[in-house]
Amino acid sequence: MTHLLVRAARGERTERPPVWLMRQAGRHIPEYREIRADYTFREAIETPEVAERITLLPWDLYEPDGVVMFSDILTVLEPLGFDYHIESGVGPVVENPVDGPGDAERPRGDVATDLEFVGALLDRLVDRVGSETAVIGFAGGPFTLASYVVAGGSSRNHGPVRRFRARHPEAFRTLLGEFADVVREYLEYQAAHGADVVQLFDTYAGVLSPADYREFVLPLHREILSDLSVPSIVFVRNMGGRLDSLQATGADVVSLDWTVDMAAARAELGDQPVQGNLDPQYLFGSPEFVREETKKVVDAAGPAGHILNLGHGVNRDTPVESVKAFVETAKSISR
């Protein structure tokens, strides 16, 4: 059986839109917070049985058409020799950030060894729910990862990495290339362990100028996504005026943020499968409001090649009832 989500990713007309939510296995679920009380974030993602429990929380609540492995975009830092941790209220902290151009070339570890816990998690998910729903893997994209390692963590408007690009363009290119090589290997590793679909989150690359995106990032997105053994999704925020660049990545599916008009995007992109794109803040409305707005997205997207999702991740305070309304609306549609 080919899962509904995979069929939509291939551009097929589906009897209803498949649905999942970015960051669906997270802090909006009370049971998640209970589990996390006993583990640090790194402990939770690197302990397969714990990560499995968290991954399946939204499956137990909503039964979406895909379960996305509970992990983090920063795990792929490990094979390149970066150390990081998550501080409550601060976010990611990279303990050995890039201090200058001499840090751009990285020692290379082994993905299968350093990230064995991800393969173990995917094996468990395939065994548990692989016959019922799609298993989704993911990785961070080169620019987004570079933003964290140059700044040493989160940064306002990604100024540190943009300054690094201005001062050291060749080192910037080298650093992005190091990430691209490992990310490509990592996504194939996930596919080998049963991921049905993989998503590349280069969320922050939209802050680059159009010229810089085309020169430094687009070729790497093409390199990462070309000829993967499973369907791929690309997500970059703030690309509403540059959908042609996202299409040029070669991803099977272009994920749209909430600032993009769905009908206009479909007209521009033609037969290109798309994902999205309800505003995550809409989930703070009443269930009736959520259902109405969700139907608008579905109607605008049409019956072929659309995966229903949000335009970004689920907010931590989102009501469970609203997420249920979102998923149930997709399941109530019959074509």
C-alpha atoms as a PDB file:
ATOM      1  CA  MET A   1       0.000   0.000   0.000  1.00  0.00           C
ATOM      2  CA  THR A   2       1.255   3.458  -0.908  1.00  0.00           C
ATOM      3  CA  HIS A   3       0.412   6.002   1.768  1.00  0.00           C
ATOM      4  CA  LEU A   4      -1.872   8.906   0.908  1.00  0.00           C
ATOM      5  CA  LEU A   5       0.852  11.426   1.756  1.00  0.00           C
ATOM      6  CA  VAL A   6       3.331   9.753  -0.593  1.00  0.00           C
ATOM      7  CA  ARG A   7       0.783   9.726  -3.399  1.00  0.00           C
ATOM      8  CA  ALA A   8       0.166  13.453  -2.973  1.00  0.00           C
ATOM      9  CA  ALA A   9       3.926  14.091  -2.884  1.00  0.00           C
ATOM     10  CA  ARG A  10       4.126  12.419  -6.283  1.00  0.00           C
ATOM     11  CA  GLY A  11       1.502  14.804  -7.630  1.00  0.00           C
ATOM     12  CA  GLU A  12      -1.393  12.370  -7.727  1.00  0.00           C
ATOM     13  CA  ARG A  13      -5.017  13.356  -7.319  1.00  0.00           C
ATOM     14  CA  THR A  14      -6.118  12.068  -3.907  1.00  0.00           C
ATOM     15  CA  GLU A  15      -9.554  11.302  -2.501  1.00  0.00           C
ATOM     16  CA  ARG A  16      -8.839  13.809   0.273  1.00  0.00           C
ATOM     17  CA  PRO A  17      -5.832  15.922   1.256  1.00  0.00           C
ATOM     18  CA  PRO A  18      -3.289  14.103   3.426  1.00  0.00           C
ATOM     19  CA  VAL A  19      -2.561  16.054   6.594  1.00  0.00           C
ATOM     20  CA  TRP A  20       0.210  16.421   9.146  1.00  0.00           C
ATOM     21  CA  LEU A  21       1.689  19.359  11.059  1.00  0.00           C
ATOM     22  CA  MET A  22       5.252  20.559  11.330  1.00  0.00           C
ATOM     23  CA  ARG A  23       6.402  20.273  14.950  1.00  0.00           C
ATOM     24  CA  GLN A  24       3.309  18.188  15.741  1.00  0.00           C
ATOM     25  CA  ALA A  25       5.079  16.050  18.362  1.00  0.00           C
ATOM     26  CA  GLY A  26       5.855  18.891  20.688  1.00  0.00           C
ATOM     27  CA  ARG A  27       5.006  21.165  23.529  1.00  0.00           C
ATOM     28  CA  HIS A  28       1.336  21.745  22.731  1.00  0.00           C
ATOM     29  CA  ILE A  29       0.611  18.188  23.942  1.00  0.00           C
ATOM     30  CA  PRO A  30       0.388  17.880  27.760  1.00  0.00           C
ATOM     31  CA  GLU A  31       1.847  14.369  27.744  1.00  0.00           C
ATOM     32  CA  TYR A  32       4.921  15.685  25.961  1.00  0.00           C
ATOM     33  CA  ARG A  33       5.626  18.062  28.804  1.00  0.00           C
ATOM     34  CA  GLU A  34       5.191  15.214  31.296  1.00  0.00           C
ATOM     35  CA  ILE A  35       7.716  13.020  29.476  1.00  0.00           C
ATOM     36  CA  ARG A  36      10.193  15.867  29.049  1.00  0.00           C
ATOM     37  CA  ALA A  37      10.151  16.558  32.785  1.00  0.00           C
ATOM     38  CA  ASP A  38      12.289  13.430  33.163  1.00  0.00           C
ATOM     39  CA  TYR A  39      14.751  14.053  30.313  1.00  0.00           C
ATOM     40  CA  THR A  40      16.829  16.834  28.846  1.00  0.00           C
ATOM     41  CA  PHE A  41      16.086  17.568  25.219  1.00  0.00           C
ATOM     42  CA  ARG A  42      19.215  15.768  24.027  1.00  0.00           C
ATOM     43  CA  GLU A  43      18.403  12.774  26.213  1.00  0.00           C
ATOM     44  CA  ALA A  44      14.888  12.618  24.782  1.00  0.00           C
ATOM     45  CA  ILE A  45      15.921  12.710  21.129  1.00  0.00           C
ATOM     46  CA  GLU A  46      18.889  10.383  21.601  1.00  0.00           C
ATOM     47  CA  THR A  47      16.981   7.685  23.501  1.00  0.00           C
ATOM     48  CA  PRO A  48      14.997   5.810  20.833  1.00  0.00           C
ATOM     49  CA  GLU A  49      12.288   4.458  23.108  1.00  0.00           C
ATOM     50  CA  VAL A  50      11.636   7.928  24.541  1.00  0.00           C
ATOM     51  CA  ALA A  51      11.704   9.581  21.111  1.00  0.00           C
ATOM     52  CA  GLU A  52       9.289   6.920  19.880  1.00  0.00           C
ATOM     53  CA  ARG A  53       6.817   7.681  22.668  1.00  0.00           C
ATOM     54  CA  ILE A  54       6.936  11.388  21.854  1.00  0.00           C
ATOM     55  CA  THR A  55       6.690  10.836  18.090  1.00  0.00           C
ATOM     56  CA  LEU A  56       3.534   8.774  18.529  1.00  0.00           C
ATOM     57  CA  LEU A  57       1.721  11.221  20.834  1.00  0.00           C
ATOM     58  CA  PRO A  58       0.042  13.030  17.905  1.00  0.00           C
ATOM     59  CA  TRP A  59      -0.727   9.683  16.286  1.00  0.00           C
ATOM     60  CA  ASP A  60      -2.638   8.647  19.393  1.00  0.00           C
ATOM     61  CA  LEU A  61      -4.464  12.001  19.495  1.00  0.00           C
ATOM     62  CA  TYR A  62      -5.117  12.809  15.837  1.00  0.00           C
ATOM     63  CA  GLU A  63      -4.004   9.945  13.547  1.00  0.00           C
ATOM     64  CA  PRO A  64      -2.455  12.262  10.931  1.00  0.00           C
ATOM     65  CA  ASP A  65      -1.314  10.933   7.578  1.00  0.00           C
ATOM     66  CA  GLY A  66       2.317  11.184   8.603  1.00  0.00           C
ATOM     67  CA  VAL A  67       4.303  10.877  11.825  1.00  0.00           C
ATOM     68  CA  VAL A  68       7.417  13.020  11.834  1.00  0.00           C
ATOM     69  CA  MET A  69      10.266  11.603  13.876  1.00  0.00           C
ATOM     70  CA  PHE A  70      10.937  13.444  17.115  1.00  0.00           C
ATOM     71  CA  SER A  71      14.393  14.870  16.614  1.00  0.00           C
ATOM     72  CA  ASP A  72      16.020  18.227  15.898  1.00  0.00           C
ATOM     73  CA  ILE A  73      17.612  19.944  12.928  1.00  0.00           C
ATOM     74  CA  LEU A  74      20.826  20.347  14.950  1.00  0.00           C
ATOM     75  CA  THR A  75      21.536  16.612  15.300  1.00  0.00           C
ATOM     76  CA  VAL A  76      23.456  16.751  12.028  1.00  0.00           C
ATOM     77  CA  LEU A  77      25.990  19.058  13.691  1.00  0.00           C
ATOM     78  CA  GLU A  78      27.429  16.054  15.507  1.00  0.00           C
ATOM     79  CA  PRO A  79      29.215  14.369  12.558  1.00  0.00           C
ATOM     80  CA  LEU A  80      30.925  17.724  11.870  1.00  0.00           C
ATOM     81  CA  GLY A  81      32.350  18.022  15.370  1.00  0.00           C
ATOM     82  CA  PHE A  82      30.033  20.666  16.800  1.00  0.00           C
ATOM     83  CA  ASP A  83      28.767  20.345  20.371  1.00  0.00           C
ATOM     84  CA  TYR A  84      25.420  21.857  21.337  1.00  0.00           C
ATOM     85  CA  HIS A  85      22.789  21.858  24.033  1.00  0.00           C
ATOM     86  CA  ILE A  86      19.353  23.372  24.528  1.00  0.00           C
ATOM     87  CA  GLU A  87      18.873  25.926  27.286  1.00  0.00           C
ATOM     88  CA  SER A  88      15.349  26.517  28.568  1.00  0.00           C
ATOM     89  CA  GLY A  89      14.196  29.989  27.595  1.00  0.00           C
ATOM     90  CA  VAL A  90      17.267  30.514  25.404  1.00  0.00           C
ATOM     91  CA  GLY A  91      17.137  27.769  22.805  1.00  0.00           C
ATOM     92  CA  PRO A  92      20.080  26.074  21.095  1.00  0.00           C
ATOM     93  CA  VAL A  93      23.590  26.920  22.244  1.00  0.00           C
ATOM     94  CA  VAL A  94      26.536  25.796  20.093  1.00  0.00           C
ATOM     95  CA  GLU A  95      29.440  25.323  22.470  1.00  0.00           C
ATOM     96  CA  ASN A  96      32.213  25.519  19.868  1.00  0.00           C
ATOM     97  CA  PRO A  97      30.939  27.995  17.269  1.00  0.00           C
ATOM     98  CA  VAL A  98      32.708  29.075  14.106  1.00  0.00           C
ATOM     99  CA  ASP A  99      35.071  31.855  15.159  1.00  0.00           C
ATOM    100  CA  GLY A 100      36.605  32.621  11.791  1.00  0.00           C
ATOM    101  CA  PRO A 101      37.217  31.346   8.257  1.00  0.00           C
ATOM    102  CA  GLY A 102      39.647  28.736   9.507  1.00  0.00           C
ATOM    103  CA  ASP A 103      36.745  26.891  11.160  1.00  0.00           C
ATOM    104  CA  ALA A 104      34.805  26.423   7.923  1.00  0.00           C
ATOM    105  CA  GLU A 105      36.432  23.124   6.961  1.00  0.00           C
ATOM    106  CA  ARG A 106      35.201  20.496   9.375  1.00  0.00           C
ATOM    107  CA  PRO A 107      36.412  17.091  10.552  1.00  0.00           C
ATOM    108  CA  ARG A 108      34.020  14.492   9.200  1.00  0.00           C
ATOM    109  CA  GLY A 109      32.488  11.808  11.386  1.00  0.00           C
ATOM    110  CA  ASP A 110      30.287   8.939  10.288  1.00  0.00           C
ATOM    111  CA  VAL A 111      26.553   9.646  10.045  1.00  0.00           C
ATOM    112  CA  ALA A 112      25.500   6.041  10.641  1.00  0.00           C
ATOM    113  CA  THR A 113      27.639   5.856  13.769  1.00  0.00           C
ATOM    114  CA  ASP A 114      27.181   9.334  15.207  1.00  0.00           C
ATOM    115  CA  LEU A 115      23.430   9.405  14.540  1.00  0.00           C
ATOM    116  CA  GLU A 116      22.652   5.738  15.089  1.00  0.00           C
ATOM    117  CA  PHE A 117      19.868   6.712  17.497  1.00  0.00           C
ATOM    118  CA  VAL A 118      17.936   8.275  14.584  1.00  0.00           C
ATOM    119  CA  GLY A 119      18.081   5.053  12.593  1.00  0.00           C
ATOM    120  CA  ALA A 120      16.958   3.124  15.669  1.00  0.00           C
ATOM    121  CA  LEU A 121      14.010   5.495  16.138  1.00  0.00           C
ATOM    122  CA  LEU A 122      12.921   5.154  12.518  1.00  0.00           C
ATOM    123  CA  ASP A 123      13.161   1.365  12.754  1.00  0.00           C
ATOM    124  CA  ARG A 124      10.845   1.449  15.756  1.00  0.00           C
ATOM    125  CA  LEU A 125       8.362   3.778  14.043  1.00  0.00           C
ATOM    126  CA  VAL A 126       8.199   1.623  10.925  1.00  0.00           C
ATOM    127  CA  ASP A 127       7.515  -1.418  13.092  1.00  0.00           C
ATOM    128  CA  ARG A 128       4.805   0.365  15.079  1.00  0.00           C
ATOM    129  CA  VAL A 129       2.872   2.411  12.525  1.00  0.00           C
ATOM    130  CA  GLY A 130       4.589   2.013   9.169  1.00  0.00           C
ATOM    131  CA  SER A 131       1.684   0.030   7.726  1.00  0.00           C
ATOM    132  CA  GLU A 132      -0.839   2.671   8.846  1.00  0.00           C
ATOM    133  CA  THR A 133       0.741   6.036   8.134  1.00  0.00           C
ATOM    134  CA  ALA A 134       3.761   7.588   6.451  1.00  0.00           C
ATOM    135  CA  VAL A 135       6.960   7.995   8.445  1.00  0.00           C
ATOM    136  CA  ILE A 136       8.579  11.392   7.869  1.00  0.00           C
ATOM    137  CA  GLY A 137      12.245  12.202   8.359  1.00  0.00           C
ATOM    138  CA  PHE A 138      13.939  15.573   8.117  1.00  0.00           C
ATOM    139  CA  ALA A 139      17.140  17.561   8.330  1.00  0.00           C
ATOM    140  CA  GLY A 140      18.185  21.179   8.688  1.00  0.00           C
ATOM    141  CA  GLY A 141      19.416  22.973   5.597  1.00  0.00           C
ATOM    142  CA  PRO A 142      22.908  24.389   5.091  1.00  0.00           C
ATOM    143  CA  PHE A 143      22.162  28.068   5.660  1.00  0.00           C
ATOM    144  CA  THR A 144      20.006  27.483   8.732  1.00  0.00           C
ATOM    145  CA  LEU A 145      22.676  25.274  10.292  1.00  0.00           C
ATOM    146  CA  ALA A 146      25.355  27.826   9.429  1.00  0.00           C
ATOM    147  CA  SER A 147      23.323  30.545  11.121  1.00  0.00           C
ATOM    148  CA  TYR A 148      23.398  28.619  14.398  1.00  0.00           C
ATOM    149  CA  VAL A 149      27.072  27.664  14.323  1.00  0.00           C
ATOM    150  CA  VAL A 150      28.317  31.127  13.370  1.00  0.00           C
ATOM    151  CA  ALA A 151      26.171  32.911  15.976  1.00  0.00           C
ATOM    152  CA  GLY A 152      26.628  30.206  18.608  1.00  0.00           C
ATOM    153  CA  GLY A 153      22.833  29.918  18.829  1.00  0.00           C
ATOM    154  CA  SER A 154      19.771  31.845  17.769  1.00  0.00           C
ATOM    155  CA  SER A 155      20.342  35.338  16.382  1.00  0.00           C
ATOM    156  CA  ARG A 156      18.224  38.312  15.449  1.00  0.00           C
ATOM    157  CA  ASN A 157      17.770  38.482  11.667  1.00  0.00           C
ATOM    158  CA  HIS A 158      20.720  36.053  11.350  1.00  0.00           C
ATOM    159  CA  GLY A 159      23.122  38.975  11.331  1.00  0.00           C
ATOM    160  CA  PRO A 160      26.255  37.043  12.358  1.00  0.00           C
ATOM    161  CA  VAL A 161      26.111  34.585   9.455  1.00  0.00           C
ATOM    162  CA  ARG A 162      25.228  37.342   6.987  1.00  0.00           C
ATOM    163  CA  ARG A 163      28.278  39.312   8.162  1.00  0.00           C
ATOM    164  CA  PHE A 164      30.362  36.144   7.825  1.00  0.00           C
ATOM    165  CA  ARG A 165      29.173  35.858   4.219  1.00  0.00           C
ATOM    166  CA  ALA A 166      30.206  39.493   3.568  1.00  0.00           C
ATOM    167  CA  ARG A 167      33.646  39.184   5.188  1.00  0.00           C
ATOM    168  CA  HIS A 168      34.569  35.643   4.170  1.00  0.00           C
ATOM    169  CA  PRO A 169      32.564  34.604   1.086  1.00  0.00           C
ATOM    170  CA  GLU A 170      34.741  31.603   0.222  1.00  0.00           C
ATOM    171  CA  ALA A 171      34.736  30.333   3.802  1.00  0.00           C
ATOM    172  CA  PHE A 172      30.947  30.838   3.826  1.00  0.00           C
ATOM    173  CA  ARG A 173      30.696  28.729   0.673  1.00  0.00           C
ATOM    174  CA  THR A 174      32.934  26.072   2.209  1.00  0.00           C
ATOM    175  CA  LEU A 175      30.917  25.915   5.430  1.00  0.00           C
ATOM    176  CA  LEU A 176      27.617  25.541   3.576  1.00  0.00           C
ATOM    177  CA  GLY A 177      29.171  22.848   1.407  1.00  0.00           C
ATOM    178  CA  GLU A 178      30.305  20.882   4.467  1.00  0.00           C
ATOM    179  CA  PHE A 179      26.739  20.901   5.771  1.00  0.00           C
ATOM    180  CA  ALA A 180      25.265  19.972   2.395  1.00  0.00           C
ATOM    181  CA  ASP A 181      27.427  16.849   2.111  1.00  0.00           C
ATOM    182  CA  VAL A 182      26.443  15.576   5.537  1.00  0.00           C
ATOM    183  CA  VAL A 183      22.763  16.503   5.168  1.00  0.00           C
ATOM    184  CA  ARG A 184      22.507  14.593   1.905  1.00  0.00           C
ATOM    185  CA  GLU A 185      24.051  11.522   3.540  1.00  0.00           C
ATOM    186  CA  TYR A 186      21.795  11.927   6.566  1.00  0.00           C
ATOM    187  CA  LEU A 187      18.579  12.051   4.526  1.00  0.00           C
ATOM    188  CA  GLU A 188      19.551   8.915   2.629  1.00  0.00           C
ATOM    189  CA  TYR A 189      20.347   7.258   5.949  1.00  0.00           C
ATOM    190  CA  GLN A 190      16.826   8.079   7.094  1.00  0.00           C
ATOM    191  CA  ALA A 191      15.349   6.644   3.910  1.00  0.00           C
ATOM    192  CA  ALA A 192      17.365   3.455   4.406  1.00  0.00           C
ATOM    193  CA  HIS A 193      15.750   3.102   7.839  1.00  0.00           C
ATOM    194  CA  GLY A 194      12.226   3.393   6.508  1.00  0.00           C
ATOM    195  CA  ALA A 195      11.375   7.084   6.154  1.00  0.00           C
ATOM    196  CA  ASP A 196       8.715   7.344   3.435  1.00  0.00           C
ATOM    197  CA  VAL A 197       9.250  11.081   2.895  1.00  0.00           C
ATOM    198  CA  VAL A 198      11.976  13.502   4.013  1.00  0.00           C
ATOM    199  CA  GLN A 199      11.812  17.265   4.499  1.00  0.00           C
ATOM    200  CA  LEU A 200      14.661  19.742   4.216  1.00  0.00           C
ATOM    201  CA  PHE A 201      14.168  22.634   6.642  1.00  0.00           C
ATOM    202  CA  ASP A 202      16.296  25.531   5.431  1.00  0.00           C
ATOM    203  CA  THR A 203      13.851  27.808   7.193  1.00  0.00           C
ATOM    204  CA  TYR A 204      16.076  30.863   7.504  1.00  0.00           C
ATOM    205  CA  ALA A 205      17.515  30.943   3.973  1.00  0.00           C
ATOM    206  CA  GLY A 206      14.788  33.387   2.965  1.00  0.00           C
ATOM    207  CA  VAL A 207      16.665  36.201   4.746  1.00  0.00           C
ATOM    208  CA  LEU A 208      19.330  36.053   2.040  1.00  0.00           C
ATOM    209  CA  SER A 209      19.104  38.352  -0.948  1.00  0.00           C
ATOM    210  CA  PRO A 210      17.757  36.667  -4.092  1.00  0.00           C
ATOM    211  CA  ALA A 211      21.243  36.776  -5.616  1.00  0.00           C
ATOM    212  CA  ASP A 212      22.883  35.187  -2.564  1.00  0.00           C
ATOM    213  CA  TYR A 213      20.247  32.480  -2.383  1.00  0.00           C
ATOM    214  CA  ARG A 214      20.795  31.625  -6.049  1.00  0.00           C
ATOM    215  CA  GLU A 215      24.594  31.675  -5.755  1.00  0.00           C
ATOM    216  CA  PHE A 216      25.257  30.005  -2.428  1.00  0.00           C
ATOM    217  CA  VAL A 217      22.189  27.986  -1.418  1.00  0.00           C
ATOM    218  CA  LEU A 218      20.165  26.892  -4.427  1.00  0.00           C
ATOM    219  CA  PRO A 219      22.956  24.714  -5.901  1.00  0.00           C
ATOM    220  CA  LEU A 220      23.310  22.963  -2.544  1.00  0.00           C
ATOM    221  CA  HIS A 221      19.566  22.380  -2.239  1.00  0.00           C
ATOM    222  CA  ARG A 222      19.685  20.794  -5.686  1.00  0.00           C
ATOM    223  CA  GLU A 223      22.645  18.665  -4.656  1.00  0.00           C
ATOM    224  CA  ILE A 224      20.945  17.498  -1.455  1.00  0.00           C
ATOM    225  CA  LEU A 225      17.558  16.747  -3.001  1.00  0.00           C
ATOM    226  CA  SER A 226      18.518  15.298  -6.370  1.00  0.00           C
ATOM    227  CA  ASP A 227      17.805  11.616  -6.846  1.00  0.00           C
ATOM    228  CA  LEU A 228      16.875  10.833  -3.255  1.00  0.00           C
ATOM    229  CA  SER A 229      15.316   7.401  -2.952  1.00  0.00           C
ATOM    230  CA  VAL A 230      12.116   8.782  -1.358  1.00  0.00           C
ATOM    231  CA  PRO A 231       9.993  11.889  -2.064  1.00  0.00           C
ATOM    232  CA  SER A 232      11.372  15.142  -0.692  1.00  0.00           C
ATOM    233  CA  ILE A 233       9.863  18.370   0.641  1.00  0.00           C
ATOM    234  CA  VAL A 234      11.695  21.710   0.853  1.00  0.00           C
ATOM    235  CA  PHE A 235      10.712  24.445   3.312  1.00  0.00           C
ATOM    236  CA  VAL A 236      12.142  27.967   3.313  1.00  0.00           C
ATOM    237  CA  ARG A 237      10.261  30.786   4.993  1.00  0.00           C
ATOM    238  CA  ASN A 238       9.663  34.219   3.414  1.00  0.00           C
ATOM    239  CA  MET A 239      10.015  33.077  -0.194  1.00  0.00           C
ATOM    240  CA  GLY A 240       6.637  34.304  -1.418  1.00  0.00           C
ATOM    241  CA  GLY A 241       8.122  36.302  -4.265  1.00  0.00           C
ATOM    242  CA  ARG A 242      10.652  33.609  -5.150  1.00  0.00           C
ATOM    243  CA  LEU A 243       8.636  30.440  -5.541  1.00  0.00           C
ATOM    244  CA  ASP A 244      10.452  29.748  -8.792  1.00  0.00           C
ATOM    245  CA  SER A 245      13.682  29.405  -6.801  1.00  0.00           C
ATOM    246  CA  LEU A 246      12.091  26.838  -4.501  1.00  0.00           C
ATOM    247  CA  GLN A 247      10.753  24.940  -7.482  1.00  0.00           C
ATOM    248  CA  ALA A 248      14.245  24.992  -8.961  1.00  0.00           C
ATOM    249  CA  THR A 249      15.579  23.010  -5.977  1.00  0.00           C
ATOM    250  CA  GLY A 250      14.167  19.866  -7.546  1.00  0.00           C
ATOM    251  CA  ALA A 251      12.222  18.944  -4.415  1.00  0.00           C
ATOM    252  CA  ASP A 252       9.183  16.800  -5.084  1.00  0.00           C
ATOM    253  CA  VAL A 253       7.093  19.113  -2.874  1.00  0.00           C
ATOM    254  CA  VAL A 254       7.408  22.849  -2.190  1.00  0.00           C
ATOM    255  CA  SER A 255       6.199  23.743   1.311  1.00  0.00           C
ATOM    256  CA  LEU A 256       4.603  27.190   1.499  1.00  0.00           C
ATOM    257  CA  ASP A 257       4.554  29.453   4.512  1.00  0.00           C
ATOM    258  CA  TRP A 258       1.374  31.272   5.525  1.00  0.00           C
ATOM    259  CA  THR A 259       2.330  34.514   3.753  1.00  0.00           C
ATOM    260  CA  VAL A 260       1.872  32.872   0.346  1.00  0.00           C
ATOM    261  CA  ASP A 261      -1.508  32.931  -1.378  1.00  0.00           C
ATOM    262  CA  MET A 262      -2.238  29.275  -2.079  1.00  0.00           C
ATOM    263  CA  ALA A 263      -4.293  29.805  -5.236  1.00  0.00           C
ATOM    264  CA  ALA A 264      -1.696  32.161  -6.715  1.00  0.00           C
ATOM    265  CA  ALA A 265       1.106  29.715  -5.858  1.00  0.00           C
ATOM    266  CA  ARG A 266      -0.689  26.865  -7.564  1.00  0.00           C
ATOM    267  CA  ALA A 267      -1.221  28.963 -10.662  1.00  0.00           C
ATOM    268  CA  GLU A 268       2.462  29.948 -10.719  1.00  0.00           C
ATOM    269  CA  LEU A 269       3.898  26.510  -9.972  1.00  0.00           C
ATOM    270  CA  GLY A 270       1.664  24.481 -12.265  1.00  0.00           C
ATOM    271  CA  ASP A 271       1.751  20.758 -11.534  1.00  0.00           C
ATOM    272  CA  GLN A 272       4.361  21.149  -8.783  1.00  0.00           C
ATOM    273  CA  PRO A 273       3.075  19.433  -5.609  1.00  0.00           C
ATOM    274  CA  VAL A 274       2.811  21.803  -2.653  1.00  0.00           C
ATOM    275  CA  GLN A 275       2.436  21.617   1.101  1.00  0.00           C
ATOM    276  CA  GLY A 276       0.756  24.013   3.505  1.00  0.00           C
ATOM    277  CA  ASN A 277      -0.201  26.561   4.432  1.00  0.00           C
ATOM    278  CA  LEU A 278      -2.621  27.567   7.228  1.00  0.00           C
ATOM    279  CA  ASP A 279      -1.321  30.338   9.504  1.00  0.00           C
ATOM    280  CA  PRO A 280      -0.280  28.572  12.753  1.00  0.00           C
ATOM    281  CA  GLN A 281      -1.848  31.392  14.748  1.00  0.00           C
ATOM    282  CA  TYR A 282      -5.232  30.502  13.279  1.00  0.00           C
ATOM    283  CA  LEU A 283      -5.194  27.437  15.515  1.00  0.00           C
ATOM    284  CA  PHE A 284      -5.838  29.792  18.425  1.00  0.00           C
ATOM    285  CA  GLY A 285      -9.270  30.494  16.988  1.00  0.00           C
ATOM    286  CA  SER A 286     -12.381  28.479  17.714  1.00  0.00           C
ATOM    287  CA  PRO A 287     -12.700  24.995  16.186  1.00  0.00           C
ATOM    288  CA  GLU A 288     -15.346  26.403  13.842  1.00  0.00           C
ATOM    289  CA  PHE A 289     -12.939  29.100  12.656  1.00  0.00           C
ATOM    290  CA  VAL A 290     -10.188  26.515  12.160  1.00  0.00           C
ATOM    291  CA  ARG A 291     -12.476  24.350  10.052  1.00  0.00           C
ATOM    292  CA  GLU A 292     -13.567  27.276   7.879  1.00  0.00           C
ATOM    293  CA  GLU A 293     -10.028  28.512   7.245  1.00  0.00           C
ATOM    294  CA  THR A 294      -8.713  25.008   6.629  1.00  0.00           C
ATOM    295  CA  LYS A 295     -11.352  24.402   3.969  1.00  0.00           C
ATOM    296  CA  LYS A 296     -10.290  27.621   2.243  1.00  0.00           C
ATOM    297  CA  VAL A 297      -6.710  26.345   1.984  1.00  0.00           C
ATOM    298  CA  VAL A 298      -7.867  22.969   0.682  1.00  0.00           C
ATOM    299  CA  ASP A 299     -10.179  24.523  -1.886  1.00  0.00           C
ATOM    300  CA  ALA A 300      -7.459  26.868  -3.128  1.00  0.00           C
ATOM    301  CA  ALA A 301      -4.939  24.038  -3.401  1.00  0.00           C
ATOM    302  CA  GLY A 302      -7.117  21.726  -5.452  1.00  0.00           C
ATOM    303  CA  PRO A 303      -7.382  17.932  -5.502  1.00  0.00           C
ATOM    304  CA  ALA A 304      -3.979  16.908  -6.873  1.00  0.00           C
ATOM    305  CA  GLY A 305      -0.534  17.190  -5.342  1.00  0.00           C
ATOM    306  CA  HIS A 306      -1.441  18.946  -2.104  1.00  0.00           C
ATOM    307  CA  ILE A 307      -0.352  17.981   1.427  1.00  0.00           C
ATOM    308  CA  LEU A 308      -2.277  19.936   4.035  1.00  0.00           C
ATOM    309  CA  ASN A 309      -0.060  21.434   6.721  1.00  0.00           C
ATOM    310  CA  LEU A 310       0.539  24.691   8.538  1.00  0.00           C
ATOM    311  CA  GLY A 311       2.684  27.488   7.171  1.00  0.00           C
ATOM    312  CA  HIS A 312       5.188  26.820   9.967  1.00  0.00           C
ATOM    313  CA  GLY A 313       5.354  24.702  13.134  1.00  0.00           C
ATOM    314  CA  VAL A 314       2.690  24.250  15.795  1.00  0.00           C
ATOM    315  CA  ASN A 315       2.998  26.904  18.503  1.00  0.00           C
ATOM    316  CA  ARG A 316       3.659  25.574  22.004  1.00  0.00           C
ATOM    317  CA  ASP A 317       0.381  26.941  23.473  1.00  0.00           C
ATOM    318  CA  THR A 318      -1.881  25.736  20.670  1.00  0.00           C
ATOM    319  CA  PRO A 319      -5.115  24.121  21.957  1.00  0.00           C
ATOM    320  CA  VAL A 320      -5.343  20.400  21.267  1.00  0.00           C
ATOM    321  CA  GLU A 321      -8.984  20.898  20.240  1.00  0.00           C
ATOM    322  CA  SER A 322      -7.936  23.219  17.411  1.00  0.00           C
ATOM    323  CA  VAL A 323      -5.372  20.742  16.081  1.00  0.00           C
ATOM    324  CA  LYS A 324      -8.055  18.068  16.147  1.00  0.00           C
ATOM    325  CA  ALA A 325     -10.375  20.350  14.169  1.00  0.00           C
ATOM    326  CA  PHE A 326      -7.615  20.937  11.601  1.00  0.00           C
ATOM    327  CA  VAL A 327      -6.895  17.237  11.091  1.00  0.00           C
ATOM    328  CA  GLU A 328     -10.541  16.188  11.189  1.00  0.00           C
ATOM    329  CA  THR A 329     -11.434  18.768   8.540  1.00  0.00           C
ATOM    330  CA  ALA A 330      -8.995  17.177   6.127  1.00  0.00           C
ATOM    331  CA  LYS A 331     -10.365  13.730   6.903  1.00  0.00           C
ATOM    332  CA  SER A 332     -13.955  14.869   6.392  1.00  0.00           C
ATOM    333  CA  ILE A 333     -13.347  15.853   2.750  1.00  0.00           C
ATOM    334  CA  SER A 334     -14.445  13.407   0.096  1.00  0.00           C
ATOM    335  CA  ARG A 335     -13.641  13.870  -3.583  1.00  0.00           C
END
